[in-house]
Structures are given as structure tokens and as C-alpha cells.
Amino acid sequence: MANRIDLHNKLRSLLGGSSNVYFQPPESLLLKYPCIVYKLSTTPTTFADDKVYKFTRGYDVTYITRDPDDDMIDQMFELFQNKVRYDRSFASDNLNHYVFTVYN
């Protein structure tokens, strides 16, 4: 992935082109489900000779759905292959949340 916009478009493709993909949405925004919410997150950095040798931008990506048997985990690994890590899942307000870290 070259930039955040590329990531955004790939995430939209997971939802069949849906516009229910949100980057750092304000709390006042009413989300439409299923949706994906993502934000800039961990950035693993490797140093060599007191300089940044390698910097990898990471994003916390949360898929939110009412369906507890959704196959989004499989789809995320198919799309991002070795650039994704499944972190956790939880239920809140009768919605299922699946949290991933995607590295670009």
C-alpha cells in the first residue's frame, strides 16, 4: 500500500464498494452497519547507526457488524496477506467488533 487512500479503497472493496468505511470518525457521526472504522496506530520502527532504517505505518482497523458469524477475518487475510494481524474481537451494544492491525 502506498498511502492511506489506497488502504481506504481496499477496505471499501471488502464491503463491496460501500461507503461505510470511516477514517477517524468523530463521535457525533452516525455509523451505518456493517462498517469499517480505522485510524493510524502502531508504527514499528527499526534503527541503524542512530537513524531510522525502516518505518512501517500501521492502522487499527475495526470491522463492526450485527452478524456474529461474519467471514471478515478470512477476507482480511486474503486481501492483505502478510500485512495484517488479527488482534481481538468483542461485542458491545449488540454489535460484533473485529479488530485488526494492517501494516502498509
N, C-alpha and C. Protein backbone atom coordinates (compact mmCIF):
# COMPACT_ATOMS: atom_id res chain seq x y z
N MET A 1 0.84 -1.18 0.00
CA MET A 1 0.00 0.00 0.00
C MET A 1 0.88 1.24 0.00
N ALA A 2 0.59 2.13 -0.87
CA ALA A 2 1.40 3.33 -0.97
C ALA A 2 1.00 4.38 0.05
N ASN A 3 -0.30 4.51 0.32
CA ASN A 3 -0.74 5.55 1.24
C ASN A 3 -2.09 5.19 1.86
N ARG A 4 -2.60 6.10 2.67
CA ARG A 4 -3.86 5.84 3.37
C ARG A 4 -5.03 5.72 2.40
N ILE A 5 -5.02 6.48 1.32
CA ILE A 5 -6.12 6.42 0.37
C ILE A 5 -6.20 5.04 -0.29
N ASP A 6 -5.03 4.44 -0.58
CA ASP A 6 -5.02 3.07 -1.11
C ASP A 6 -5.64 2.10 -0.11
N LEU A 7 -5.27 2.26 1.16
CA LEU A 7 -5.85 1.42 2.21
C LEU A 7 -7.36 1.63 2.25
N HIS A 8 -7.80 2.87 2.21
CA HIS A 8 -9.23 3.18 2.27
C HIS A 8 -9.98 2.47 1.13
N ASN A 9 -9.44 2.53 -0.07
CA ASN A 9 -10.08 1.89 -1.22
C ASN A 9 -10.11 0.38 -1.09
N LYS A 10 -9.05 -0.21 -0.55
CA LYS A 10 -9.05 -1.66 -0.33
C LYS A 10 -10.10 -2.05 0.71
N LEU A 11 -10.22 -1.26 1.76
CA LEU A 11 -11.22 -1.55 2.78
C LEU A 11 -12.63 -1.42 2.20
N ARG A 12 -12.84 -0.44 1.35
CA ARG A 12 -14.15 -0.29 0.69
C ARG A 12 -14.46 -1.51 -0.16
N SER A 13 -13.44 -2.07 -0.81
CA SER A 13 -13.66 -3.25 -1.65
C SER A 13 -14.13 -4.44 -0.82
N LEU A 14 -13.69 -4.51 0.44
CA LEU A 14 -14.14 -5.58 1.33
C LEU A 14 -15.65 -5.50 1.58
N LEU A 15 -16.18 -4.30 1.54
CA LEU A 15 -17.62 -4.09 1.77
C LEU A 15 -18.37 -3.95 0.45
N GLY A 16 -17.79 -4.45 -0.64
CA GLY A 16 -18.46 -4.39 -1.93
C GLY A 16 -18.58 -2.98 -2.48
N GLY A 17 -17.62 -2.11 -2.15
CA GLY A 17 -17.64 -0.74 -2.64
C GLY A 17 -18.46 0.21 -1.78
N SER A 18 -18.95 -0.28 -0.66
CA SER A 18 -19.77 0.53 0.24
C SER A 18 -18.99 1.74 0.76
N SER A 19 -19.71 2.80 1.03
CA SER A 19 -19.07 4.00 1.59
C SER A 19 -19.02 3.95 3.12
N ASN A 20 -19.33 2.82 3.71
CA ASN A 20 -19.34 2.69 5.17
C ASN A 20 -17.94 2.38 5.71
N VAL A 21 -16.96 3.09 5.20
CA VAL A 21 -15.58 2.98 5.68
C VAL A 21 -15.21 4.37 6.19
N TYR A 22 -14.79 4.43 7.46
CA TYR A 22 -14.58 5.72 8.11
C TYR A 22 -13.17 5.82 8.67
N PHE A 23 -12.46 6.91 8.35
CA PHE A 23 -11.14 7.17 8.91
C PHE A 23 -11.30 8.16 10.06
N GLN A 24 -10.98 7.73 11.25
CA GLN A 24 -11.06 8.56 12.45
C GLN A 24 -12.35 9.37 12.52
N PRO A 25 -13.50 8.71 12.51
CA PRO A 25 -14.76 9.46 12.50
C PRO A 25 -15.00 10.17 13.83
N PRO A 26 -15.64 11.33 13.78
CA PRO A 26 -15.99 12.00 15.04
C PRO A 26 -17.07 11.20 15.76
N GLU A 27 -17.13 11.33 17.07
CA GLU A 27 -18.11 10.57 17.85
C GLU A 27 -19.55 10.94 17.50
N SER A 28 -19.75 12.12 16.95
CA SER A 28 -21.10 12.56 16.61
C SER A 28 -21.63 11.92 15.31
N LEU A 29 -20.76 11.27 14.55
CA LEU A 29 -21.16 10.66 13.28
C LEU A 29 -21.96 9.38 13.54
N LEU A 30 -23.09 9.25 12.88
CA LEU A 30 -23.92 8.06 12.99
C LEU A 30 -23.41 7.03 11.99
N LEU A 31 -22.87 5.92 12.49
CA LEU A 31 -22.30 4.90 11.62
C LEU A 31 -23.41 4.01 11.06
N LYS A 32 -23.20 3.53 9.82
CA LYS A 32 -24.12 2.59 9.19
C LYS A 32 -23.42 1.24 9.15
N TYR A 33 -24.12 0.19 9.58
CA TYR A 33 -23.50 -1.14 9.71
C TYR A 33 -23.93 -2.05 8.58
N PRO A 34 -23.07 -2.98 8.17
CA PRO A 34 -21.70 -3.19 8.64
C PRO A 34 -20.81 -2.06 8.17
N CYS A 35 -19.74 -1.82 8.94
CA CYS A 35 -18.82 -0.75 8.58
C CYS A 35 -17.41 -1.09 9.04
N ILE A 36 -16.49 -0.30 8.55
CA ILE A 36 -15.09 -0.40 8.95
C ILE A 36 -14.66 0.97 9.44
N VAL A 37 -14.06 1.00 10.62
CA VAL A 37 -13.52 2.22 11.20
C VAL A 37 -12.02 1.99 11.38
N TYR A 38 -11.21 2.94 10.93
CA TYR A 38 -9.77 2.76 11.09
C TYR A 38 -9.08 4.06 11.47
N LYS A 39 -7.90 3.90 12.06
CA LYS A 39 -7.11 5.06 12.50
C LYS A 39 -5.63 4.68 12.48
N LEU A 40 -4.80 5.69 12.40
CA LEU A 40 -3.36 5.47 12.46
C LEU A 40 -3.01 4.91 13.82
N SER A 41 -2.11 3.94 13.83
CA SER A 41 -1.82 3.25 15.07
C SER A 41 -0.32 3.04 15.23
N THR A 42 0.01 1.84 15.59
CA THR A 42 1.39 1.48 15.87
C THR A 42 2.26 1.65 14.63
N THR A 43 3.47 2.10 14.85
CA THR A 43 4.40 2.30 13.75
C THR A 43 5.74 1.69 14.11
N PRO A 44 5.90 0.39 13.84
CA PRO A 44 7.18 -0.25 14.15
C PRO A 44 8.32 0.43 13.40
N THR A 45 9.36 0.75 14.13
CA THR A 45 10.50 1.46 13.55
C THR A 45 11.78 0.71 13.89
N THR A 46 12.64 0.53 12.89
CA THR A 46 13.94 -0.10 13.08
C THR A 46 15.00 0.97 12.90
N PHE A 47 15.94 1.00 13.84
CA PHE A 47 17.00 2.00 13.80
C PHE A 47 18.34 1.32 13.48
N ALA A 48 19.19 2.04 12.76
CA ALA A 48 20.55 1.59 12.49
C ALA A 48 21.44 2.83 12.38
N ASP A 49 22.58 2.78 13.01
CA ASP A 49 23.51 3.94 13.01
C ASP A 49 22.82 5.21 13.48
N ASP A 50 22.01 5.10 14.52
CA ASP A 50 21.29 6.23 15.11
C ASP A 50 20.36 6.94 14.13
N LYS A 51 19.89 6.23 13.12
CA LYS A 51 18.95 6.77 12.14
C LYS A 51 17.81 5.78 11.94
N VAL A 52 16.71 6.29 11.42
CA VAL A 52 15.59 5.40 11.10
C VAL A 52 15.97 4.60 9.87
N TYR A 53 16.01 3.29 10.03
CA TYR A 53 16.35 2.38 8.93
C TYR A 53 15.10 1.91 8.21
N LYS A 54 14.07 1.59 8.98
CA LYS A 54 12.82 1.11 8.39
C LYS A 54 11.66 1.58 9.25
N PHE A 55 10.66 2.15 8.60
CA PHE A 55 9.47 2.66 9.27
C PHE A 55 8.26 2.05 8.60
N THR A 56 7.40 1.42 9.38
CA THR A 56 6.21 0.79 8.83
C THR A 56 4.99 1.42 9.48
N ARG A 57 4.15 2.03 8.66
CA ARG A 57 2.93 2.67 9.17
C ARG A 57 1.89 1.59 9.42
N GLY A 58 1.26 1.65 10.58
CA GLY A 58 0.23 0.68 10.93
C GLY A 58 -1.10 1.37 11.21
N TYR A 59 -2.18 0.66 10.97
CA TYR A 59 -3.52 1.19 11.20
C TYR A 59 -4.33 0.18 12.01
N ASP A 60 -5.05 0.68 13.01
CA ASP A 60 -6.04 -0.14 13.71
C ASP A 60 -7.30 -0.12 12.86
N VAL A 61 -7.74 -1.30 12.46
CA VAL A 61 -8.91 -1.44 11.60
C VAL A 61 -9.95 -2.25 12.36
N THR A 62 -11.13 -1.70 12.56
CA THR A 62 -12.20 -2.39 13.28
C THR A 62 -13.38 -2.59 12.34
N TYR A 63 -13.74 -3.85 12.16
CA TYR A 63 -14.92 -4.19 11.37
C TYR A 63 -16.06 -4.37 12.36
N ILE A 64 -17.18 -3.68 12.13
CA ILE A 64 -18.32 -3.71 13.05
C ILE A 64 -19.54 -4.23 12.29
N THR A 65 -20.18 -5.26 12.84
CA THR A 65 -21.32 -5.87 12.18
C THR A 65 -22.29 -6.44 13.21
N ARG A 66 -23.51 -6.64 12.78
CA ARG A 66 -24.50 -7.29 13.65
C ARG A 66 -24.39 -8.81 13.57
N ASP A 67 -23.77 -9.32 12.51
CA ASP A 67 -23.66 -10.76 12.26
C ASP A 67 -22.47 -11.36 13.03
N PRO A 68 -22.74 -12.25 14.00
CA PRO A 68 -21.64 -12.83 14.78
C PRO A 68 -20.85 -13.89 14.00
N ASP A 69 -21.37 -14.33 12.86
CA ASP A 69 -20.70 -15.38 12.08
C ASP A 69 -20.12 -14.84 10.78
N ASP A 70 -19.80 -13.59 10.74
CA ASP A 70 -19.27 -12.96 9.53
C ASP A 70 -17.90 -13.55 9.19
N ASP A 71 -17.57 -13.64 7.91
CA ASP A 71 -16.29 -14.22 7.49
C ASP A 71 -15.24 -13.15 7.18
N MET A 72 -15.34 -12.00 7.79
CA MET A 72 -14.43 -10.90 7.52
C MET A 72 -12.98 -11.24 7.87
N ILE A 73 -12.76 -12.06 8.88
CA ILE A 73 -11.39 -12.42 9.25
C ILE A 73 -10.70 -13.08 8.06
N ASP A 74 -11.37 -14.02 7.42
CA ASP A 74 -10.80 -14.69 6.25
C ASP A 74 -10.55 -13.71 5.12
N GLN A 75 -11.50 -12.81 4.89
CA GLN A 75 -11.36 -11.84 3.80
C GLN A 75 -10.20 -10.88 4.04
N MET A 76 -10.00 -10.48 5.29
CA MET A 76 -8.88 -9.58 5.61
C MET A 76 -7.54 -10.26 5.30
N PHE A 77 -7.41 -11.54 5.68
CA PHE A 77 -6.17 -12.24 5.42
C PHE A 77 -5.96 -12.50 3.93
N GLU A 78 -7.03 -12.72 3.20
CA GLU A 78 -6.91 -12.90 1.75
C GLU A 78 -6.46 -11.61 1.08
N LEU A 79 -7.01 -10.48 1.49
CA LEU A 79 -6.70 -9.21 0.85
C LEU A 79 -5.32 -8.68 1.23
N PHE A 80 -4.98 -8.74 2.51
CA PHE A 80 -3.74 -8.13 2.98
C PHE A 80 -2.60 -9.12 3.21
N GLN A 81 -2.88 -10.40 3.15
CA GLN A 81 -1.91 -11.49 3.29
C GLN A 81 -0.97 -11.29 4.47
N ASN A 82 0.30 -11.03 4.24
CA ASN A 82 1.26 -10.95 5.35
C ASN A 82 1.37 -9.56 5.97
N LYS A 83 0.42 -8.66 5.66
CA LYS A 83 0.46 -7.30 6.21
C LYS A 83 -0.67 -7.04 7.18
N VAL A 84 -1.25 -8.10 7.72
CA VAL A 84 -2.37 -7.95 8.65
C VAL A 84 -2.17 -8.85 9.85
N ARG A 85 -2.64 -8.37 11.00
CA ARG A 85 -2.63 -9.18 12.22
C ARG A 85 -4.00 -9.05 12.86
N TYR A 86 -4.60 -10.20 13.18
CA TYR A 86 -5.88 -10.21 13.89
C TYR A 86 -5.57 -9.99 15.36
N ASP A 87 -6.18 -8.97 15.96
CA ASP A 87 -5.87 -8.62 17.34
C ASP A 87 -6.87 -9.18 18.35
N ARG A 88 -8.16 -8.93 18.11
CA ARG A 88 -9.16 -9.36 19.09
C ARG A 88 -10.55 -9.15 18.52
N SER A 89 -11.52 -9.67 19.24
CA SER A 89 -12.92 -9.39 18.91
C SER A 89 -13.67 -9.18 20.21
N PHE A 90 -14.76 -8.42 20.12
CA PHE A 90 -15.60 -8.19 21.29
C PHE A 90 -16.98 -7.77 20.83
N ALA A 91 -17.94 -7.90 21.72
CA ALA A 91 -19.32 -7.48 21.44
C ALA A 91 -19.65 -6.29 22.34
N SER A 92 -20.35 -5.33 21.76
CA SER A 92 -20.77 -4.16 22.50
C SER A 92 -22.03 -3.61 21.86
N ASP A 93 -23.06 -3.34 22.67
CA ASP A 93 -24.33 -2.81 22.17
C ASP A 93 -24.92 -3.67 21.05
N ASN A 94 -24.85 -4.98 21.22
CA ASN A 94 -25.37 -5.95 20.24
C ASN A 94 -24.68 -5.85 18.88
N LEU A 95 -23.45 -5.35 18.87
CA LEU A 95 -22.64 -5.28 17.65
C LEU A 95 -21.35 -6.05 17.88
N ASN A 96 -20.91 -6.76 16.87
CA ASN A 96 -19.67 -7.53 16.94
C ASN A 96 -18.54 -6.71 16.32
N HIS A 97 -17.44 -6.61 17.06
CA HIS A 97 -16.29 -5.82 16.62
C HIS A 97 -15.11 -6.78 16.41
N TYR A 98 -14.49 -6.68 15.24
CA TYR A 98 -13.30 -7.48 14.92
C TYR A 98 -12.16 -6.50 14.65
N VAL A 99 -11.10 -6.59 15.44
CA VAL A 99 -10.03 -5.60 15.39
C VAL A 99 -8.77 -6.22 14.77
N PHE A 100 -8.21 -5.50 13.81
CA PHE A 100 -7.02 -5.93 13.10
C PHE A 100 -5.99 -4.80 13.12
N THR A 101 -4.73 -5.15 12.91
CA THR A 101 -3.71 -4.16 12.62
C THR A 101 -3.24 -4.45 11.21
N VAL A 102 -3.29 -3.42 10.36
CA VAL A 102 -2.85 -3.55 8.97
C VAL A 102 -1.62 -2.67 8.81
N TYR A 103 -0.54 -3.24 8.24
CA TYR A 103 0.70 -2.50 8.02
C TYR A 103 0.83 -2.16 6.55
N ASN A 104 1.34 -0.99 6.29
CA ASN A 104 1.48 -0.62 4.89
C ASN A 104 2.92 -0.52 4.48
